[in-house]
């Protein structure tokens, strides 16, 4: 694997956790049931180049 920006092979894997919050409209429309499925998280892996700092999806 090479960095698309500078071409070096000195890369590191980085995990980023993204979460989805609850919208006010969802709570108003669905009441307590609006909280069902709230706080869903998703892990996204990235490669980070140690030379230039460029971050791209794995």
C-alpha atoms as a PDB file:
ATOM      1  CA  UNK A   1       0.000   0.000   0.000  1.00  0.00           C
ATOM      2  CA  UNK A   2       1.331   3.422  -0.960  1.00  0.00           C
ATOM      3  CA  UNK A   3       0.218   6.932  -0.110  1.00  0.00           C
ATOM      4  CA  UNK A   4      -1.672   8.407  -3.103  1.00  0.00           C
ATOM      5  CA  UNK A   5      -0.263  11.871  -2.341  1.00  0.00           C
ATOM      6  CA  UNK A   6       3.480  11.312  -1.820  1.00  0.00           C
ATOM      7  CA  UNK A   7       4.006   7.622  -2.761  1.00  0.00           C
ATOM      8  CA  UNK A   8       5.676   6.468   0.448  1.00  0.00           C
ATOM      9  CA  UNK A   9       4.870   3.100   2.046  1.00  0.00           C
ATOM     10  CA  UNK A  10       5.187   4.391   5.637  1.00  0.00           C
ATOM     11  CA  UNK A  11       1.488   4.164   6.569  1.00  0.00           C
ATOM     12  CA  UNK A  12      -0.472   3.544   9.758  1.00  0.00           C
ATOM     13  CA  UNK A  13      -4.031   2.184  10.164  1.00  0.00           C
ATOM     14  CA  UNK A  14      -6.415   4.437  12.093  1.00  0.00           C
ATOM     15  CA  UNK A  15      -9.924   3.529  13.359  1.00  0.00           C
ATOM     16  CA  UNK A  16     -12.481   6.304  13.656  1.00  0.00           C
ATOM     17  CA  UNK A  17     -15.795   5.789  15.445  1.00  0.00           C
ATOM     18  CA  UNK A  18     -18.669   7.821  14.056  1.00  0.00           C
ATOM     19  CA  UNK A  19     -21.927   8.032  15.952  1.00  0.00           C
ATOM     20  CA  UNK A  20     -25.357   9.144  14.887  1.00  0.00           C
ATOM     21  CA  UNK A  21     -27.336  11.236  17.360  1.00  0.00           C
ATOM     22  CA  UNK A  22     -31.068  11.682  17.857  1.00  0.00           C
ATOM     23  CA  UNK A  23     -32.785  14.532  16.037  1.00  0.00           C
ATOM     24  CA  UNK A  24     -35.363  16.685  17.792  1.00  0.00           C
ATOM     25  CA  UNK A  25     -37.920  16.029  15.043  1.00  0.00           C
ATOM     26  CA  UNK A  26     -37.578  12.278  15.458  1.00  0.00           C
ATOM     27  CA  UNK A  27     -38.232  12.533  19.208  1.00  0.00           C
ATOM     28  CA  UNK A  28     -41.250  14.821  18.680  1.00  0.00           C
ATOM     29  CA  UNK A  29     -42.803  12.588  16.032  1.00  0.00           C
ATOM     30  CA  UNK A  30     -42.185   9.257  17.658  1.00  0.00           C
ATOM     31  CA  UNK A  31     -41.987  10.095  21.388  1.00  0.00           C
ATOM     32  CA  UNK A  32     -40.062   7.593  23.434  1.00  0.00           C
ATOM     33  CA  UNK A  33     -39.952   5.209  20.466  1.00  0.00           C
ATOM     34  CA  UNK A  34     -37.923   7.923  18.724  1.00  0.00           C
ATOM     35  CA  UNK A  35     -35.010   6.838  20.852  1.00  0.00           C
ATOM     36  CA  UNK A  36     -35.077   3.326  19.352  1.00  0.00           C
ATOM     37  CA  UNK A  37     -31.958   2.996  17.256  1.00  0.00           C
ATOM     38  CA  UNK A  38     -30.451   6.156  18.741  1.00  0.00           C
ATOM     39  CA  UNK A  39     -26.725   6.244  19.264  1.00  0.00           C
ATOM     40  CA  UNK A  40     -25.769   3.952  16.392  1.00  0.00           C
ATOM     41  CA  UNK A  41     -22.029   3.792  15.880  1.00  0.00           C
ATOM     42  CA  UNK A  42     -19.977   2.950  12.840  1.00  0.00           C
ATOM     43  CA  UNK A  43     -16.274   2.133  12.663  1.00  0.00           C
ATOM     44  CA  UNK A  44     -14.400   3.557   9.696  1.00  0.00           C
ATOM     45  CA  UNK A  45     -10.810   2.560   8.948  1.00  0.00           C
ATOM     46  CA  UNK A  46      -8.351   5.016   7.442  1.00  0.00           C
ATOM     47  CA  UNK A  47      -4.727   4.882   6.404  1.00  0.00           C
ATOM     48  CA  UNK A  48      -2.594   7.800   7.564  1.00  0.00           C
ATOM     49  CA  UNK A  49       0.702   8.574   5.883  1.00  0.00           C
ATOM     50  CA  UNK A  50       3.454   9.139   8.437  1.00  0.00           C
ATOM     51  CA  UNK A  51       5.434  11.252   5.982  1.00  0.00           C
ATOM     52  CA  UNK A  52       2.903  13.813   4.733  1.00  0.00           C
ATOM     53  CA  UNK A  53      -0.099  13.252   7.056  1.00  0.00           C
ATOM     54  CA  UNK A  54      -2.566  12.460   4.240  1.00  0.00           C
ATOM     55  CA  UNK A  55      -5.607  10.458   5.451  1.00  0.00           C
ATOM     56  CA  UNK A  56      -7.577   8.160   3.146  1.00  0.00           C
ATOM     57  CA  UNK A  57     -10.098   5.340   3.560  1.00  0.00           C
ATOM     58  CA  UNK A  58      -8.804   1.791   3.763  1.00  0.00           C
END
